[in-house]
Amino acid sequence: MPKKSCQICFDTFPATSTVSAPCGHIYCQSCMKEVFLNACVDEMLFPPRCCKKEIPLYTAEKVLSGEELLEFRSKSNEYSSKDRTYCCKPTCSEFIPSDRIHGDVGICPKCFTGTCVMCKKERHLGDCPKDKSLDLTLDLAARSGWQRCRSCHALVEISSGCHHMTCR
């Protein structure tokens, strides 16, 4: 039976117990698993790479447990989010995925606390408290004659037509 050497630990394994990266480097199953698990705890290592080429998840699916696959997919979702929201409770701080965000409030999947996606503090009614950027924007809006929708608070400029406003 042919044997191959792991690029990480340098041990020799049967070819059937190794995994090949897109660049052609060979990993033992244990080292490949470690590469993917390390990417889950350190965003600088995400996505898993070898020779600057991303190692696709299907490469490691046979070495990761079901729970580890779920964790990797969850971290992939978190790390690819542009404007991340985390639970506002310091004792939790769980990532709130986009499917748990409705309007301007994200509901923590772990403790069910509501977090404002704008100010990242606990859910509240109305504008975010003490938001200097919002205050400046509202000041400019008032000077420019813009109005705010009473439902969604979007700013609207009347350029033509009647003064009736429909929430977007």
N, C-alpha and C. Protein backbone atom coordinates (compact mmCIF):
# COMPACT_ATOMS: atom_id res chain seq x y z
N MET A 1 0.85 -1.18 0.00
CA MET A 1 0.00 0.00 0.00
C MET A 1 0.90 1.24 0.00
N PRO A 2 0.61 2.20 -0.92
CA PRO A 2 1.44 3.41 -0.99
C PRO A 2 1.29 4.28 0.28
N LYS A 3 2.40 4.93 0.63
CA LYS A 3 2.39 5.80 1.81
C LYS A 3 2.76 7.22 1.37
N LYS A 4 2.24 8.18 2.15
CA LYS A 4 2.53 9.58 1.87
C LYS A 4 2.93 10.28 3.15
N SER A 5 3.72 11.34 3.00
CA SER A 5 4.19 12.12 4.15
C SER A 5 3.33 13.36 4.32
N CYS A 6 2.96 13.67 5.56
CA CYS A 6 2.18 14.87 5.90
C CYS A 6 3.11 16.08 5.88
N GLN A 7 2.66 17.17 5.25
CA GLN A 7 3.44 18.41 5.16
C GLN A 7 3.57 19.12 6.51
N ILE A 8 2.72 18.78 7.45
CA ILE A 8 2.73 19.47 8.75
C ILE A 8 3.55 18.70 9.79
N CYS A 9 3.16 17.45 10.04
CA CYS A 9 3.83 16.68 11.10
C CYS A 9 4.97 15.80 10.58
N PHE A 10 5.08 15.65 9.26
CA PHE A 10 6.12 14.88 8.58
C PHE A 10 6.07 13.38 8.85
N ASP A 11 4.99 12.91 9.48
CA ASP A 11 4.82 11.46 9.66
C ASP A 11 4.35 10.85 8.35
N THR A 12 4.53 9.54 8.22
CA THR A 12 4.13 8.83 7.02
C THR A 12 2.84 8.06 7.31
N PHE A 13 1.90 8.13 6.35
CA PHE A 13 0.58 7.52 6.51
C PHE A 13 0.20 6.78 5.23
N PRO A 14 -0.69 5.80 5.34
CA PRO A 14 -1.22 5.18 4.12
C PRO A 14 -1.93 6.26 3.30
N ALA A 15 -1.82 6.19 2.00
CA ALA A 15 -2.39 7.21 1.11
C ALA A 15 -3.88 7.42 1.39
N THR A 16 -4.57 6.37 1.78
CA THR A 16 -6.02 6.48 2.05
C THR A 16 -6.31 7.28 3.31
N SER A 17 -5.30 7.52 4.14
CA SER A 17 -5.47 8.28 5.39
C SER A 17 -4.94 9.70 5.26
N THR A 18 -4.74 10.15 4.03
CA THR A 18 -4.25 11.51 3.82
C THR A 18 -5.25 12.30 2.99
N VAL A 19 -5.07 13.63 3.02
CA VAL A 19 -5.94 14.54 2.29
C VAL A 19 -5.02 15.47 1.49
N SER A 20 -5.43 15.77 0.27
CA SER A 20 -4.62 16.62 -0.60
C SER A 20 -5.21 18.03 -0.67
N ALA A 21 -4.38 19.04 -0.46
CA ALA A 21 -4.80 20.44 -0.61
C ALA A 21 -4.80 20.79 -2.10
N PRO A 22 -5.50 21.87 -2.50
CA PRO A 22 -5.55 22.26 -3.91
C PRO A 22 -4.17 22.49 -4.55
N CYS A 23 -3.19 22.85 -3.74
CA CYS A 23 -1.85 23.10 -4.26
C CYS A 23 -1.06 21.81 -4.44
N GLY A 24 -1.61 20.70 -3.94
CA GLY A 24 -0.94 19.41 -4.07
C GLY A 24 -0.25 18.93 -2.80
N HIS A 25 -0.15 19.78 -1.79
CA HIS A 25 0.47 19.35 -0.54
C HIS A 25 -0.43 18.31 0.15
N ILE A 26 0.23 17.40 0.84
CA ILE A 26 -0.46 16.29 1.50
C ILE A 26 -0.53 16.54 3.00
N TYR A 27 -1.71 16.29 3.57
CA TYR A 27 -1.93 16.41 5.00
C TYR A 27 -2.46 15.09 5.54
N CYS A 28 -2.05 14.73 6.75
CA CYS A 28 -2.71 13.60 7.42
C CYS A 28 -4.07 14.12 7.88
N GLN A 29 -4.97 13.23 8.17
CA GLN A 29 -6.32 13.64 8.56
C GLN A 29 -6.31 14.49 9.83
N SER A 30 -5.46 14.15 10.76
CA SER A 30 -5.38 14.89 12.03
C SER A 30 -4.91 16.33 11.80
N CYS A 31 -3.92 16.51 10.96
CA CYS A 31 -3.41 17.87 10.70
C CYS A 31 -4.41 18.69 9.89
N MET A 32 -5.10 18.06 8.94
CA MET A 32 -6.12 18.79 8.17
C MET A 32 -7.24 19.24 9.10
N LYS A 33 -7.64 18.36 10.00
CA LYS A 33 -8.67 18.71 10.97
C LYS A 33 -8.23 19.91 11.80
N GLU A 34 -6.98 19.90 12.23
CA GLU A 34 -6.45 20.99 13.04
C GLU A 34 -6.44 22.31 12.27
N VAL A 35 -6.12 22.27 10.98
CA VAL A 35 -6.12 23.47 10.14
C VAL A 35 -7.51 24.10 10.15
N PHE A 36 -8.55 23.28 9.99
CA PHE A 36 -9.92 23.80 9.96
C PHE A 36 -10.39 24.26 11.33
N LEU A 37 -10.03 23.55 12.38
CA LEU A 37 -10.44 23.96 13.72
C LEU A 37 -9.72 25.24 14.15
N ASN A 38 -8.46 25.41 13.76
CA ASN A 38 -7.73 26.64 14.07
C ASN A 38 -8.36 27.83 13.37
N ALA A 39 -8.88 27.61 12.17
CA ALA A 39 -9.55 28.69 11.42
C ALA A 39 -10.82 29.14 12.13
N CYS A 40 -11.39 28.26 12.93
CA CYS A 40 -12.62 28.62 13.68
C CYS A 40 -12.32 29.49 14.89
N VAL A 41 -11.12 29.45 15.40
CA VAL A 41 -10.80 30.23 16.60
C VAL A 41 -9.93 31.45 16.31
N ASP A 42 -9.37 31.52 15.11
CA ASP A 42 -8.52 32.66 14.75
C ASP A 42 -8.90 33.11 13.35
N GLU A 43 -9.55 34.26 13.27
CA GLU A 43 -10.04 34.77 11.99
C GLU A 43 -8.91 35.02 10.99
N MET A 44 -7.70 35.27 11.48
CA MET A 44 -6.56 35.48 10.58
C MET A 44 -6.23 34.20 9.79
N LEU A 45 -6.66 33.06 10.30
CA LEU A 45 -6.41 31.78 9.63
C LEU A 45 -7.58 31.34 8.76
N PHE A 46 -8.58 32.21 8.63
CA PHE A 46 -9.78 31.89 7.87
C PHE A 46 -9.77 32.62 6.54
N PRO A 47 -10.13 32.00 5.45
CA PRO A 47 -10.41 30.58 5.31
C PRO A 47 -9.12 29.76 5.35
N PRO A 48 -9.22 28.48 5.65
CA PRO A 48 -8.03 27.63 5.66
C PRO A 48 -7.34 27.68 4.29
N ARG A 49 -6.01 27.82 4.31
CA ARG A 49 -5.26 27.96 3.06
C ARG A 49 -3.98 27.14 3.13
N CYS A 50 -3.52 26.80 1.95
CA CYS A 50 -2.19 26.22 1.79
C CYS A 50 -1.62 26.85 0.53
N CYS A 51 -0.42 27.38 0.60
CA CYS A 51 0.21 28.07 -0.54
C CYS A 51 -0.71 29.16 -1.08
N LYS A 52 -1.36 29.89 -0.17
CA LYS A 52 -2.27 31.00 -0.48
C LYS A 52 -3.52 30.58 -1.25
N LYS A 53 -3.75 29.28 -1.37
CA LYS A 53 -4.96 28.78 -2.03
C LYS A 53 -5.92 28.27 -0.97
N GLU A 54 -7.18 28.68 -1.07
CA GLU A 54 -8.18 28.26 -0.11
C GLU A 54 -8.40 26.75 -0.19
N ILE A 55 -8.45 26.12 0.97
CA ILE A 55 -8.75 24.68 1.02
C ILE A 55 -10.26 24.55 1.16
N PRO A 56 -10.93 23.98 0.16
CA PRO A 56 -12.39 23.89 0.23
C PRO A 56 -12.86 22.97 1.35
N LEU A 57 -14.04 23.26 1.87
CA LEU A 57 -14.58 22.50 2.98
C LEU A 57 -14.72 21.02 2.66
N TYR A 58 -15.09 20.69 1.42
CA TYR A 58 -15.29 19.27 1.08
C TYR A 58 -14.01 18.45 1.31
N THR A 59 -12.86 19.12 1.29
CA THR A 59 -11.59 18.44 1.53
C THR A 59 -11.52 17.90 2.96
N ALA A 60 -12.14 18.62 3.88
CA ALA A 60 -12.05 18.24 5.29
C ALA A 60 -13.33 17.59 5.83
N GLU A 61 -14.36 17.49 5.01
CA GLU A 61 -15.64 16.95 5.52
C GLU A 61 -15.51 15.56 6.12
N LYS A 62 -14.63 14.73 5.57
CA LYS A 62 -14.51 13.37 6.10
C LYS A 62 -13.70 13.30 7.41
N VAL A 63 -12.98 14.38 7.74
CA VAL A 63 -12.18 14.37 8.98
C VAL A 63 -12.81 15.17 10.11
N LEU A 64 -13.84 15.98 9.79
CA LEU A 64 -14.51 16.77 10.82
C LEU A 64 -15.78 16.06 11.28
N SER A 65 -16.05 16.15 12.56
CA SER A 65 -17.30 15.58 13.09
C SER A 65 -18.46 16.47 12.67
N GLY A 66 -19.67 16.00 12.85
CA GLY A 66 -20.86 16.80 12.52
C GLY A 66 -20.88 18.11 13.27
N GLU A 67 -20.52 18.07 14.54
CA GLU A 67 -20.49 19.28 15.37
C GLU A 67 -19.42 20.25 14.88
N GLU A 68 -18.27 19.72 14.48
CA GLU A 68 -17.18 20.57 13.98
C GLU A 68 -17.56 21.20 12.63
N LEU A 69 -18.26 20.47 11.80
CA LEU A 69 -18.74 21.02 10.52
C LEU A 69 -19.70 22.17 10.76
N LEU A 70 -20.62 21.99 11.71
CA LEU A 70 -21.56 23.06 12.05
C LEU A 70 -20.83 24.29 12.56
N GLU A 71 -19.84 24.09 13.40
CA GLU A 71 -19.05 25.20 13.94
C GLU A 71 -18.31 25.92 12.82
N PHE A 72 -17.72 25.17 11.89
CA PHE A 72 -17.00 25.79 10.78
C PHE A 72 -17.95 26.59 9.91
N ARG A 73 -19.11 26.04 9.60
CA ARG A 73 -20.09 26.75 8.77
C ARG A 73 -20.58 28.01 9.48
N SER A 74 -20.77 27.91 10.79
CA SER A 74 -21.20 29.07 11.57
C SER A 74 -20.13 30.16 11.53
N LYS A 75 -18.87 29.78 11.71
CA LYS A 75 -17.78 30.76 11.67
C LYS A 75 -17.63 31.35 10.27
N SER A 76 -17.86 30.54 9.25
CA SER A 76 -17.80 31.02 7.87
C SER A 76 -18.86 32.11 7.65
N ASN A 77 -20.05 31.87 8.19
CA ASN A 77 -21.13 32.85 8.11
C ASN A 77 -20.75 34.12 8.87
N GLU A 78 -20.21 33.96 10.05
CA GLU A 78 -19.81 35.11 10.87
C GLU A 78 -18.71 35.91 10.20
N TYR A 79 -17.65 35.24 9.77
CA TYR A 79 -16.51 35.94 9.20
C TYR A 79 -16.81 36.60 7.86
N SER A 80 -17.84 36.13 7.16
CA SER A 80 -18.17 36.72 5.86
C SER A 80 -19.21 37.85 5.98
N SER A 81 -19.74 38.06 7.19
CA SER A 81 -20.71 39.14 7.40
C SER A 81 -20.01 40.48 7.37
N LYS A 82 -20.60 41.44 6.66
CA LYS A 82 -19.98 42.76 6.53
C LYS A 82 -20.13 43.60 7.79
N ASP A 83 -21.34 43.71 8.33
CA ASP A 83 -21.58 44.52 9.52
C ASP A 83 -22.06 43.59 10.63
N ARG A 84 -21.12 43.00 11.32
CA ARG A 84 -21.45 41.98 12.32
C ARG A 84 -22.13 42.59 13.54
N THR A 85 -23.06 41.80 14.08
CA THR A 85 -23.71 42.18 15.32
C THR A 85 -23.51 41.04 16.31
N TYR A 86 -23.08 41.40 17.51
CA TYR A 86 -22.89 40.42 18.58
C TYR A 86 -23.85 40.77 19.71
N CYS A 87 -24.21 39.78 20.49
CA CYS A 87 -25.11 40.00 21.62
C CYS A 87 -24.53 41.09 22.52
N CYS A 88 -25.39 42.01 22.93
CA CYS A 88 -24.95 43.15 23.75
C CYS A 88 -24.62 42.75 25.19
N LYS A 89 -25.05 41.56 25.62
CA LYS A 89 -24.73 41.13 26.98
C LYS A 89 -23.27 40.70 27.04
N PRO A 90 -22.45 41.37 27.83
CA PRO A 90 -21.02 41.03 27.89
C PRO A 90 -20.76 39.58 28.30
N THR A 91 -21.65 38.99 29.07
CA THR A 91 -21.46 37.60 29.49
C THR A 91 -21.80 36.61 28.38
N CYS A 92 -22.37 37.09 27.28
CA CYS A 92 -22.75 36.22 26.16
C CYS A 92 -21.90 36.54 24.92
N SER A 93 -22.10 37.71 24.35
CA SER A 93 -21.35 38.19 23.17
C SER A 93 -21.40 37.25 21.96
N GLU A 94 -22.44 36.46 21.85
CA GLU A 94 -22.62 35.52 20.73
C GLU A 94 -22.89 36.28 19.43
N PHE A 95 -22.35 35.78 18.33
CA PHE A 95 -22.62 36.36 17.02
C PHE A 95 -24.10 36.17 16.67
N ILE A 96 -24.72 37.22 16.15
CA ILE A 96 -26.13 37.15 15.75
C ILE A 96 -26.17 37.07 14.23
N PRO A 97 -26.53 35.91 13.66
CA PRO A 97 -26.58 35.77 12.20
C PRO A 97 -27.70 36.60 11.59
N SER A 98 -27.56 36.90 10.31
CA SER A 98 -28.51 37.79 9.62
C SER A 98 -29.94 37.27 9.64
N ASP A 99 -30.13 35.95 9.69
CA ASP A 99 -31.50 35.43 9.72
C ASP A 99 -32.18 35.64 11.08
N ARG A 100 -31.43 36.12 12.06
CA ARG A 100 -31.98 36.43 13.38
C ARG A 100 -32.15 37.94 13.58
N ILE A 101 -31.95 38.71 12.49
CA ILE A 101 -32.09 40.16 12.56
C ILE A 101 -33.36 40.57 11.83
N HIS A 102 -34.23 41.28 12.53
CA HIS A 102 -35.49 41.75 11.97
C HIS A 102 -35.57 43.25 12.23
N GLY A 103 -35.61 44.01 11.14
CA GLY A 103 -35.59 45.46 11.29
C GLY A 103 -34.23 45.88 11.82
N ASP A 104 -34.23 46.59 12.93
CA ASP A 104 -32.99 47.06 13.53
C ASP A 104 -32.62 46.28 14.79
N VAL A 105 -33.25 45.11 14.99
CA VAL A 105 -33.00 44.35 16.21
C VAL A 105 -32.58 42.92 15.86
N GLY A 106 -31.48 42.49 16.46
CA GLY A 106 -31.01 41.12 16.33
C GLY A 106 -31.30 40.38 17.61
N ILE A 107 -31.81 39.16 17.47
CA ILE A 107 -32.11 38.34 18.64
C ILE A 107 -31.02 37.29 18.79
N CYS A 108 -30.36 37.30 19.93
CA CYS A 108 -29.26 36.37 20.19
C CYS A 108 -29.76 34.93 20.16
N PRO A 109 -29.10 34.05 19.39
CA PRO A 109 -29.53 32.66 19.33
C PRO A 109 -29.21 31.87 20.61
N LYS A 110 -28.38 32.45 21.47
CA LYS A 110 -27.97 31.75 22.69
C LYS A 110 -28.80 32.17 23.90
N CYS A 111 -28.94 33.49 24.12
CA CYS A 111 -29.64 33.97 25.32
C CYS A 111 -30.92 34.73 25.01
N PHE A 112 -31.22 34.92 23.73
CA PHE A 112 -32.45 35.57 23.25
C PHE A 112 -32.57 37.05 23.62
N THR A 113 -31.45 37.69 23.92
CA THR A 113 -31.45 39.13 24.21
C THR A 113 -31.54 39.89 22.89
N GLY A 114 -32.29 40.99 22.88
CA GLY A 114 -32.40 41.83 21.69
C GLY A 114 -31.28 42.86 21.67
N THR A 115 -30.59 42.96 20.52
CA THR A 115 -29.50 43.91 20.36
C THR A 115 -29.79 44.82 19.17
N CYS A 116 -29.64 46.13 19.36
CA CYS A 116 -29.82 47.09 18.27
C CYS A 116 -28.66 46.92 17.29
N VAL A 117 -28.97 46.71 16.01
CA VAL A 117 -27.91 46.51 15.02
C VAL A 117 -27.21 47.82 14.66
N MET A 118 -27.80 48.94 15.03
CA MET A 118 -27.19 50.23 14.71
C MET A 118 -26.13 50.61 15.75
N CYS A 119 -26.53 50.65 17.03
CA CYS A 119 -25.60 51.09 18.07
C CYS A 119 -24.95 49.92 18.82
N LYS A 120 -25.43 48.69 18.54
CA LYS A 120 -24.90 47.46 19.15
C LYS A 120 -25.16 47.37 20.66
N LYS A 121 -26.10 48.19 21.13
CA LYS A 121 -26.48 48.13 22.54
C LYS A 121 -27.81 47.42 22.65
N GLU A 122 -28.33 47.29 23.89
CA GLU A 122 -29.59 46.59 24.09
C GLU A 122 -30.72 47.24 23.29
N ARG A 123 -31.65 46.40 22.84
CA ARG A 123 -32.80 46.86 22.05
C ARG A 123 -33.47 48.04 22.74
N HIS A 124 -33.89 49.01 21.93
CA HIS A 124 -34.55 50.20 22.46
C HIS A 124 -35.53 50.71 21.43
N LEU A 125 -36.41 51.57 21.85
CA LEU A 125 -37.37 52.19 20.94
C LEU A 125 -36.78 53.49 20.40
N GLY A 126 -37.14 53.83 19.18
CA GLY A 126 -36.70 55.10 18.61
C GLY A 126 -35.25 55.10 18.20
N ASP A 127 -34.69 56.31 18.12
CA ASP A 127 -33.30 56.46 17.68
C ASP A 127 -32.33 55.93 18.72
N CYS A 128 -31.15 55.63 18.25
CA CYS A 128 -30.10 55.15 19.15
C CYS A 128 -29.70 56.29 20.09
N PRO A 129 -29.59 56.01 21.38
CA PRO A 129 -29.23 57.06 22.32
C PRO A 129 -27.80 57.55 22.11
N LYS A 130 -27.63 58.86 22.22
CA LYS A 130 -26.31 59.49 22.16
C LYS A 130 -25.52 59.10 20.91
N ASP A 131 -26.18 59.18 19.76
CA ASP A 131 -25.51 58.87 18.49
C ASP A 131 -25.19 60.19 17.80
N LYS A 132 -23.93 60.62 17.91
CA LYS A 132 -23.53 61.91 17.37
C LYS A 132 -23.70 61.99 15.85
N SER A 133 -23.42 60.89 15.16
CA SER A 133 -23.56 60.88 13.70
C SER A 133 -25.02 61.07 13.31
N LEU A 134 -25.91 60.40 14.03
CA LEU A 134 -27.33 60.55 13.74
C LEU A 134 -27.78 61.98 14.02
N ASP A 135 -27.32 62.55 15.12
CA ASP A 135 -27.69 63.93 15.46
C ASP A 135 -27.25 64.90 14.36
N LEU A 136 -26.05 64.71 13.83
CA LEU A 136 -25.56 65.57 12.75
C LEU A 136 -26.39 65.38 11.48
N THR A 137 -26.73 64.15 11.19
CA THR A 137 -27.55 63.86 10.00
C THR A 137 -28.94 64.47 10.13
N LEU A 138 -29.54 64.35 11.31
CA LEU A 138 -30.87 64.92 11.53
C LEU A 138 -30.83 66.44 11.47
N ASP A 139 -29.73 67.03 11.93
CA ASP A 139 -29.57 68.49 11.85
C ASP A 139 -29.50 68.93 10.38
N LEU A 140 -28.73 68.21 9.58
CA LEU A 140 -28.64 68.50 8.15
C LEU A 140 -30.01 68.31 7.48
N ALA A 141 -30.71 67.26 7.86
CA ALA A 141 -32.04 66.98 7.29
C ALA A 141 -33.00 68.11 7.60
N ALA A 142 -32.97 68.62 8.83
CA ALA A 142 -33.87 69.70 9.23
C ALA A 142 -33.56 70.97 8.42
N ARG A 143 -32.27 71.27 8.23
CA ARG A 143 -31.89 72.45 7.46
C ARG A 143 -32.22 72.31 5.98
N SER A 144 -32.25 71.06 5.49
CA SER A 144 -32.51 70.80 4.07
C SER A 144 -34.00 70.59 3.77
N GLY A 145 -34.82 70.54 4.82
CA GLY A 145 -36.24 70.35 4.63
C GLY A 145 -36.66 68.91 4.40
N TRP A 146 -35.80 67.97 4.78
CA TRP A 146 -36.16 66.56 4.62
C TRP A 146 -37.06 66.14 5.77
N GLN A 147 -37.83 65.09 5.54
CA GLN A 147 -38.73 64.56 6.56
C GLN A 147 -38.37 63.11 6.86
N ARG A 148 -38.79 62.65 8.04
CA ARG A 148 -38.57 61.25 8.41
C ARG A 148 -39.89 60.50 8.40
N CYS A 149 -39.86 59.29 7.88
CA CYS A 149 -41.03 58.42 7.92
C CYS A 149 -41.33 58.09 9.38
N ARG A 150 -42.59 58.15 9.76
CA ARG A 150 -42.96 57.87 11.16
C ARG A 150 -42.86 56.40 11.51
N SER A 151 -42.87 55.54 10.48
CA SER A 151 -42.80 54.10 10.74
C SER A 151 -41.36 53.58 10.79
N CYS A 152 -40.60 53.79 9.70
CA CYS A 152 -39.25 53.22 9.61
C CYS A 152 -38.14 54.23 9.86
N HIS A 153 -38.48 55.52 10.01
CA HIS A 153 -37.54 56.60 10.31
C HIS A 153 -36.58 56.93 9.16
N ALA A 154 -36.86 56.43 7.95
CA ALA A 154 -36.02 56.77 6.80
C ALA A 154 -36.19 58.25 6.47
N LEU A 155 -35.12 58.87 6.01
CA LEU A 155 -35.18 60.26 5.59
C LEU A 155 -35.69 60.33 4.15
N VAL A 156 -36.58 61.31 3.90
CA VAL A 156 -37.17 61.46 2.58
C VAL A 156 -37.08 62.91 2.17
N GLU A 157 -36.66 63.12 0.92
CA GLU A 157 -36.63 64.46 0.35
C GLU A 157 -37.75 64.55 -0.67
N ILE A 158 -38.55 65.56 -0.54
CA ILE A 158 -39.62 65.75 -1.52
C ILE A 158 -39.03 66.52 -2.70
N SER A 159 -39.00 65.86 -3.86
CA SER A 159 -38.46 66.54 -5.04
C SER A 159 -39.59 66.93 -5.99
N SER A 160 -40.69 66.21 -5.93
CA SER A 160 -41.85 66.55 -6.76
C SER A 160 -43.06 65.80 -6.22
N GLY A 161 -44.23 66.19 -6.67
CA GLY A 161 -45.44 65.49 -6.25
C GLY A 161 -46.03 66.05 -4.97
N CYS A 162 -46.95 65.30 -4.41
CA CYS A 162 -47.65 65.75 -3.20
C CYS A 162 -46.81 65.47 -1.96
N HIS A 163 -47.34 65.84 -0.82
CA HIS A 163 -46.60 65.65 0.44
C HIS A 163 -46.97 64.35 1.14
N HIS A 164 -47.65 63.45 0.44
CA HIS A 164 -47.99 62.14 1.02
C HIS A 164 -46.75 61.26 1.03
N MET A 165 -46.53 60.60 2.16
CA MET A 165 -45.35 59.74 2.29
C MET A 165 -45.82 58.31 2.57
N THR A 166 -45.29 57.34 1.82
CA THR A 166 -45.62 55.93 2.03
C THR A 166 -44.36 55.23 2.53
N CYS A 167 -44.48 54.48 3.60
CA CYS A 167 -43.32 53.77 4.16
C CYS A 167 -42.80 52.79 3.14
N ARG A 168 -41.49 52.73 3.05
CA ARG A 168 -40.88 51.81 2.08
C ARG A 168 -40.98 50.40 2.55
